[in-house]
Amino acid sequence: MKAIAWLREISLPQIDRLEMNFLLADLKQIQERLLELEKLIAQRGRDNPNAQLLKTMPGIGAFTAISLAAGIGDVSRFPRARSLANYWGLTPGCRNSGENNQRLGRITKADNNTARWLLAQVTYQVLRKDGRLREWYKKIRRRRRTETLRDRPKLHGRRGSP
C-alpha cells in the first residue's frame, strides 16, 4: 500500500519515528491476524451446509453466511418460517386489547441485533445490484410513504450532519 510505504519513508523526529515503527509493526501483526481469521471463517463456511445454502442467496458472502447460520443453529427447531422471523425480532409487535381489529406496530427487535444488522446489509447490497428488486422496493416505499435514514435531510447538530 502506498500509504504504509509513505509512512515508512517519511522523515520524523527520532521519538516519533520510533513510535511510528511500533505502530507499523502492530499494523502488520493485525493484518496477519485478520488474514488468518478470514481463512478460518471461509473454511467454516465451506464446512457448514447451512452457510453454503445461505451463500447461494444474492448479497451473502462467507462472513454473513456463517454468522447467520450460527444465529439460526438447527433450523428444524423453528416449526415455521415466521418462527425464525419472530426469533430475530423481524415481525411487527401486536398491541391488541381484545378488539377484533389488529393493531400491529413496528418490528419487535427482540433478540439478535447482529442478525438484523446483517440482513439489512444484505438488503442494501441486493438493492444496489438487482434493478428489478430495487424498483419493487421503490414502489412499496412510495406506496407507504416511508422514508429511510438516507432519505432524510441532514440537520445540523445531529449525527451524520456535515
Foldseek 3Di string as FASTA:
>chain_A
DVVLVCLQPDDDPPVVNVVSVVVSVVVVVVVVVVVVVVVVLQVVCVVDPQLVVVCVDQQDDSVLSVVVCVVCPPVVVQVDPVSVCVQQQNFFDWDDDPDPDTDTHGGRRPDDPPNVVSVVNSVVRCLVPPVVVVVVVVVVCVVVVDDDPVRDDADPPDPPHD
